[in-house]
C-alpha atoms as a PDB file:
ATOM      1  CA  MET A   1      87.497  60.663  35.834  1.00  0.00           C
ATOM      2  CA  LYS A   2      90.342  62.520  34.136  1.00  0.00           C
ATOM      3  CA  LEU A   3      91.912  65.642  35.676  1.00  0.00           C
ATOM      4  CA  GLY A   4      95.022  67.675  34.942  1.00  0.00           C
ATOM      5  CA  PHE A   5      97.009  70.837  35.622  1.00  0.00           C
ATOM      6  CA  GLN A   6      99.957  72.842  34.310  1.00  0.00           C
ATOM      7  CA  TYR A   7     103.255  72.298  36.170  1.00  0.00           C
ATOM      8  CA  GLY A   8     105.954  74.579  34.786  1.00  0.00           C
ATOM      9  CA  THR A   9     106.230  73.772  31.090  1.00  0.00           C
ATOM     10  CA  LYS A  10     104.630  70.341  31.505  1.00  0.00           C
ATOM     11  CA  TYR A  11     100.947  69.476  31.617  1.00  0.00           C
ATOM     12  CA  ILE A  12     100.226  66.624  34.046  1.00  0.00           C
ATOM     13  CA  ASP A  13      97.013  64.757  33.426  1.00  0.00           C
ATOM     14  CA  PHE A  14      95.862  61.807  35.510  1.00  0.00           C
ATOM     15  CA  ASN A  15      93.059  59.296  35.942  1.00  0.00           C
ATOM     16  CA  VAL A  16      91.102  59.248  39.184  1.00  0.00           C
ATOM     17  CA  VAL A  17      89.427  56.108  40.489  1.00  0.00           C
ATOM     18  CA  PHE A  18      87.286  56.256  43.624  1.00  0.00           C
ATOM     19  CA  LYS A  19      87.609  53.265  45.921  1.00  0.00           C
ATOM     20  CA  GLU A  20      86.556  52.318  49.400  1.00  0.00           C
ATOM     21  CA  ARG A  21      89.819  53.190  51.144  1.00  0.00           C
ATOM     22  CA  LYS A  22      91.162  55.616  53.754  1.00  0.00           C
ATOM     23  CA  THR A  23      94.144  57.100  51.935  1.00  0.00           C
ATOM     24  CA  MET A  24      94.920  58.466  48.496  1.00  0.00           C
ATOM     25  CA  SER A  25      97.585  56.840  46.328  1.00  0.00           C
ATOM     26  CA  ILE A  26      99.382  58.167  43.263  1.00  0.00           C
ATOM     27  CA  GLU A  27     101.037  55.730  40.836  1.00  0.00           C
ATOM     28  CA  VAL A  28     103.112  56.326  37.733  1.00  0.00           C
ATOM     29  CA  GLU A  29     102.680  53.372  35.375  1.00  0.00           C
ATOM     30  CA  PRO A  30     105.485  52.022  33.139  1.00  0.00           C
ATOM     31  CA  SER A  31     103.783  53.817  30.248  1.00  0.00           C
ATOM     32  CA  GLY A  32     104.165  57.135  32.135  1.00  0.00           C
ATOM     33  CA  GLU A  33     100.437  57.392  32.791  1.00  0.00           C
ATOM     34  CA  VAL A  34      99.447  58.719  36.234  1.00  0.00           C
ATOM     35  CA  ASN A  35      96.675  57.002  38.197  1.00  0.00           C
ATOM     36  CA  VAL A  36      95.178  58.259  41.454  1.00  0.00           C
ATOM     37  CA  SER A  37      93.134  56.060  43.786  1.00  0.00           C
ATOM     38  CA  SER A  38      91.040  58.202  46.085  1.00  0.00           C
ATOM     39  CA  PRO A  39      88.640  57.496  48.955  1.00  0.00           C
ATOM     40  CA  LEU A  40      84.957  57.838  48.153  1.00  0.00           C
ATOM     41  CA  GLY A  41      83.544  61.316  48.699  1.00  0.00           C
ATOM     42  CA  VAL A  42      86.773  63.293  48.223  1.00  0.00           C
ATOM     43  CA  THR A  43      86.246  66.410  46.090  1.00  0.00           C
ATOM     44  CA  GLU A  44      88.093  67.216  42.868  1.00  0.00           C
ATOM     45  CA  ASP A  45      89.746  70.247  44.492  1.00  0.00           C
ATOM     46  CA  ILE A  46      91.261  68.148  47.294  1.00  0.00           C
ATOM     47  CA  ILE A  47      92.490  65.546  44.789  1.00  0.00           C
ATOM     48  CA  LEU A  48      93.959  68.254  42.557  1.00  0.00           C
ATOM     49  CA  ASP A  49      95.715  69.918  45.529  1.00  0.00           C
ATOM     50  CA  LYS A  50      97.191  66.607  46.688  1.00  0.00           C
ATOM     51  CA  VAL A  51      98.427  65.684  43.205  1.00  0.00           C
ATOM     52  CA  LYS A  52      99.840  69.207  42.699  1.00  0.00           C
ATOM     53  CA  SER A  53     101.813  68.809  45.932  1.00  0.00           C
ATOM     54  CA  LYS A  54     103.387  65.676  44.425  1.00  0.00           C
ATOM     55  CA  ALA A  55     103.972  67.177  40.968  1.00  0.00           C
ATOM     56  CA  ASN A  56     107.777  67.222  41.266  1.00  0.00           C
ATOM     57  CA  TRP A  57     107.799  63.536  42.269  1.00  0.00           C
ATOM     58  CA  ILE A  58     105.417  62.656  39.391  1.00  0.00           C
ATOM     59  CA  VAL A  59     107.609  64.409  36.801  1.00  0.00           C
ATOM     60  CA  GLN A  60     110.712  62.672  38.210  1.00  0.00           C
ATOM     61  CA  LYS A  61     109.046  59.255  37.992  1.00  0.00           C
ATOM     62  CA  GLN A  62     107.827  59.927  34.443  1.00  0.00           C
ATOM     63  CA  TYR A  63     111.396  60.781  33.369  1.00  0.00           C
ATOM     64  CA  GLU A  64     112.704  57.632  35.088  1.00  0.00           C
ATOM     65  CA  VAL A  65     110.108  55.484  33.333  1.00  0.00           C
ATOM     66  CA  GLN A  66     110.870  57.154  30.016  1.00  0.00           C
ATOM     67  CA  SER A  67     114.621  56.530  30.370  1.00  0.00           C
ATOM     68  CA  ILE A  68     114.003  52.889  31.326  1.00  0.00           C
ATOM     69  CA  ASN A  69     111.772  52.370  28.296  1.00  0.00           C
ATOM     70  CA  ILE A  70     114.357  53.980  26.011  1.00  0.00           C
ATOM     71  CA  ASN A  71     117.184  51.811  27.370  1.00  0.00           C
ATOM     72  CA  LYS A  72     115.156  48.602  27.382  1.00  0.00           C
ATOM     73  CA  ILE A  73     116.581  46.010  25.049  1.00  0.00           C
ATOM     74  CA  ASN A  74     114.152  43.580  23.483  1.00  0.00           C
ATOM     75  CA  ARG A  75     116.025  40.363  22.967  1.00  0.00           C
ATOM     76  CA  GLU A  76     114.861  37.531  20.798  1.00  0.00           C
ATOM     77  CA  VAL A  77     115.212  33.921  21.798  1.00  0.00           C
ATOM     78  CA  VAL A  78     117.327  32.785  18.833  1.00  0.00           C
ATOM     79  CA  SER A  79     120.769  31.244  18.561  1.00  0.00           C
ATOM     80  CA  GLY A  80     123.507  33.863  18.613  1.00  0.00           C
ATOM     81  CA  GLU A  81     121.578  36.430  20.686  1.00  0.00           C
ATOM     82  CA  SER A  82     123.469  37.586  23.788  1.00  0.00           C
ATOM     83  CA  TYR A  83     122.074  37.579  27.327  1.00  0.00           C
ATOM     84  CA  LEU A  84     123.480  39.094  30.528  1.00  0.00           C
ATOM     85  CA  TYR A  85     124.310  37.067  33.601  1.00  0.00           C
ATOM     86  CA  LEU A  86     126.324  38.409  36.556  1.00  0.00           C
ATOM     87  CA  GLY A  87     127.630  41.338  34.535  1.00  0.00           C
ATOM     88  CA  ARG A  88     128.819  39.356  31.511  1.00  0.00           C
ATOM     89  CA  ASN A  89     127.289  38.662  28.117  1.00  0.00           C
ATOM     90  CA  TYR A  90     126.736  35.066  27.054  1.00  0.00           C
ATOM     91  CA  SER A  91     125.560  33.984  23.626  1.00  0.00           C
ATOM     92  CA  LEU A  92     122.527  31.762  23.297  1.00  0.00           C
ATOM     93  CA  GLN A  93     122.628  28.403  21.571  1.00  0.00           C
ATOM     94  CA  ILE A  94     119.378  26.539  20.953  1.00  0.00           C
ATOM     95  CA  GLU A  95     119.542  22.775  20.376  1.00  0.00           C
ATOM     96  CA  ASP A  96     116.634  20.682  19.109  1.00  0.00           C
ATOM     97  CA  ILE A  97     116.189  17.438  21.013  1.00  0.00           C
ATOM     98  CA  ASN A  98     113.321  15.031  21.597  1.00  0.00           C
ATOM     99  CA  THR A  99     112.428  15.569  25.254  1.00  0.00           C
ATOM    100  CA  LYS A 100     109.379  16.800  27.082  1.00  0.00           C
ATOM    101  CA  ASP A 101     111.294  19.489  28.976  1.00  0.00           C
ATOM    102  CA  ILE A 102     113.202  22.599  28.049  1.00  0.00           C
ATOM    103  CA  ASN A 103     116.629  22.535  29.722  1.00  0.00           C
ATOM    104  CA  VAL A 104     118.771  25.631  30.228  1.00  0.00           C
ATOM    105  CA  LYS A 105     122.418  25.532  31.259  1.00  0.00           C
ATOM    106  CA  LEU A 106     125.423  27.819  31.182  1.00  0.00           C
ATOM    107  CA  PHE A 107     128.314  25.889  29.635  1.00  0.00           C
ATOM    108  CA  ARG A 108     131.653  27.154  28.314  1.00  0.00           C
ATOM    109  CA  GLY A 109     130.541  30.755  27.958  1.00  0.00           C
ATOM    110  CA  LYS A 110     127.167  30.010  26.325  1.00  0.00           C
ATOM    111  CA  PHE A 111     123.584  29.618  27.389  1.00  0.00           C
ATOM    112  CA  ILE A 112     122.611  26.250  25.935  1.00  0.00           C
ATOM    113  CA  ILE A 113     118.896  25.597  25.686  1.00  0.00           C
ATOM    114  CA  SER A 114     117.869  22.051  24.798  1.00  0.00           C
ATOM    115  CA  THR A 115     114.285  22.109  23.608  1.00  0.00           C
ATOM    116  CA  TYR A 116     111.609  20.222  21.730  1.00  0.00           C
ATOM    117  CA  THR A 117     109.908  23.403  20.502  1.00  0.00           C
ATOM    118  CA  ARG A 118     110.692  26.691  18.794  1.00  0.00           C
ATOM    119  CA  GLU A 119     107.923  28.610  20.585  1.00  0.00           C
ATOM    120  CA  GLN A 120     109.516  31.849  21.816  1.00  0.00           C
ATOM    121  CA  ASP A 121     107.232  32.148  24.861  1.00  0.00           C
ATOM    122  CA  LYS A 122     108.040  28.675  26.193  1.00  0.00           C
ATOM    123  CA  ILE A 123     111.775  29.098  25.692  1.00  0.00           C
ATOM    124  CA  LYS A 124     111.722  32.562  27.275  1.00  0.00           C
ATOM    125  CA  LEU A 125     109.800  31.214  30.274  1.00  0.00           C
ATOM    126  CA  ALA A 126     112.371  28.434  30.737  1.00  0.00           C
ATOM    127  CA  LEU A 127     115.174  31.013  30.598  1.00  0.00           C
ATOM    128  CA  GLU A 128     113.398  33.240  33.141  1.00  0.00           C
ATOM    129  CA  ASN A 129     112.922  30.255  35.456  1.00  0.00           C
ATOM    130  CA  TRP A 130     116.639  29.486  35.138  1.00  0.00           C
ATOM    131  CA  TYR A 131     117.450  33.096  36.105  1.00  0.00           C
ATOM    132  CA  ARG A 132     115.109  32.795  39.117  1.00  0.00           C
ATOM    133  CA  GLU A 133     116.727  29.546  40.306  1.00  0.00           C
ATOM    134  CA  LYS A 134     120.259  30.887  39.966  1.00  0.00           C
ATOM    135  CA  THR A 135     119.335  34.178  41.638  1.00  0.00           C
ATOM    136  CA  LEU A 136     117.756  32.334  44.554  1.00  0.00           C
ATOM    137  CA  LEU A 137     120.808  30.062  44.948  1.00  0.00           C
ATOM    138  CA  ARG A 138     123.168  33.035  44.874  1.00  0.00           C
ATOM    139  CA  VAL A 139     121.144  34.983  47.446  1.00  0.00           C
ATOM    140  CA  LYS A 140     120.884  31.940  49.745  1.00  0.00           C
ATOM    141  CA  GLU A 141     124.677  31.643  49.635  1.00  0.00           C
ATOM    142  CA  ARG A 142     125.032  35.304  50.664  1.00  0.00           C
ATOM    143  CA  VAL A 143     122.383  35.008  53.394  1.00  0.00           C
ATOM    144  CA  ASN A 144     124.140  31.934  54.815  1.00  0.00           C
ATOM    145  CA  TYR A 145     127.439  33.788  54.788  1.00  0.00           C
ATOM    146  CA  PHE A 146     126.006  36.829  56.635  1.00  0.00           C
ATOM    147  CA  LYS A 147     124.021  34.769  59.188  1.00  0.00           C
ATOM    148  CA  GLN A 148     127.082  34.638  61.415  1.00  0.00           C
ATOM    149  CA  TYR A 149     127.021  38.423  61.820  1.00  0.00           C
ATOM    150  CA  PHE A 150     123.350  38.764  62.832  1.00  0.00           C
ATOM    151  CA  ASN A 151     121.189  37.293  65.577  1.00  0.00           C
ATOM    152  CA  ILE A 152     118.071  36.995  63.412  1.00  0.00           C
ATOM    153  CA  ARG A 153     117.398  34.491  60.657  1.00  0.00           C
ATOM    154  CA  PRO A 154     115.183  35.085  57.612  1.00  0.00           C
ATOM    155  CA  LYS A 155     111.965  33.071  57.470  1.00  0.00           C
ATOM    156  CA  GLY A 156     111.901  33.158  53.711  1.00  0.00           C
ATOM    157  CA  ILE A 157     113.317  34.550  50.506  1.00  0.00           C
ATOM    158  CA  LYS A 158     111.141  35.674  47.609  1.00  0.00           C
ATOM    159  CA  VAL A 159     112.257  36.283  44.053  1.00  0.00           C
ATOM    160  CA  LYS A 160     109.826  38.549  42.222  1.00  0.00           C
ATOM    161  CA  GLU A 161     109.749  40.150  38.814  1.00  0.00           C
ATOM    162  CA  GLN A 162     110.026  43.921  38.720  1.00  0.00           C
ATOM    163  CA  LYS A 163     107.728  46.105  36.590  1.00  0.00           C
ATOM    164  CA  LYS A 164     110.683  47.666  34.865  1.00  0.00           C
ATOM    165  CA  GLY A 165     112.283  44.300  34.115  1.00  0.00           C
ATOM    166  CA  GLY A 166     114.572  42.103  36.126  1.00  0.00           C
ATOM    167  CA  LEU A 167     114.289  40.143  39.315  1.00  0.00           C
ATOM    168  CA  VAL A 168     114.149  41.519  42.829  1.00  0.00           C
ATOM    169  CA  VAL A 169     114.881  39.521  45.966  1.00  0.00           C
ATOM    170  CA  HIS A 170     113.141  40.200  49.282  1.00  0.00           C
ATOM    171  CA  LEU A 171     113.951  38.705  52.694  1.00  0.00           C
ATOM    172  CA  ILE A 172     111.053  37.886  55.006  1.00  0.00           C
ATOM    173  CA  MET A 173     111.879  38.325  58.683  1.00  0.00           C
ATOM    174  CA  ASN A 174     109.291  37.443  61.334  1.00  0.00           C
ATOM    175  CA  SER A 175     106.482  37.704  58.745  1.00  0.00           C
ATOM    176  CA  TYR A 176     107.650  41.170  57.684  1.00  0.00           C
ATOM    177  CA  LEU A 177     109.305  42.103  54.438  1.00  0.00           C
ATOM    178  CA  ILE A 178     112.574  43.914  54.929  1.00  0.00           C
ATOM    179  CA  GLY A 179     115.425  45.137  52.850  1.00  0.00           C
ATOM    180  CA  GLY A 180     113.552  46.128  49.700  1.00  0.00           C
ATOM    181  CA  VAL A 181     115.681  45.426  46.666  1.00  0.00           C
ATOM    182  CA  LEU A 182     118.497  43.159  47.780  1.00  0.00           C
ATOM    183  CA  TRP A 183     119.445  41.884  44.371  1.00  0.00           C
ATOM    184  CA  HIS A 184     118.594  42.957  40.855  1.00  0.00           C
ATOM    185  CA  GLN A 185     119.165  40.525  38.014  1.00  0.00           C
ATOM    186  CA  PRO A 186     118.069  41.869  34.622  1.00  0.00           C
ATOM    187  CA  ILE A 187     116.033  39.585  32.392  1.00  0.00           C
ATOM    188  CA  TYR A 188     116.203  40.501  28.742  1.00  0.00           C
END
C-alpha cells in the first residue's frame, strides 16, 4: 500500500508492508525510497501518525542518501584507474598471466592484479576480497594492541559491506555485537 503526506515544502510518500511483527519499522533505501513495515491490523491513521512523527528524520536520511549517491565514484577495473587505500590513491595495473587465480598485491605504489581473465566482475571481486583481507589484518593488529587496556577479549571480528559502499568492521563480544562502525574502508 502506498501512503504519503505533505511535510513543509516536501511531499513524503512511502510504501507500507504488513508483516507478522510487534513493532513498526521505517527504512530509507539507498534510492531514497521510504518503506514501512507494520504489524498486521494497524490502521492507516496510526501508520500515518507514526511516520509523520519521524518526518524530520526521514528527510534527513533522504538528503544523506542523495549526497552519498552524488559523491559516489564509479571506478572501472582497467589499467591506470586509481583506487583508494588507507587515505592514498594507487593506480591499477592489470597483468595477463596464465594462472587459475586472480592475484592482487600492492607493490611500489600500484595495485598489481595478475589475472587470466578480463571479466570486470571477477577482477572487482578479487579486489574487494583483497580489501577485506587487509582490513581484517589491520583491525586485528589494533585489537591486539588495545587488549592490554581491557579485561574482555572479542570472540570474533566481522567485516561486512555497507549499503552505501565500503567495509564496516564489527567486534563480537560474548555473542553480542558492539561498537558499530569501527573501521570504514571505501571500496570503489
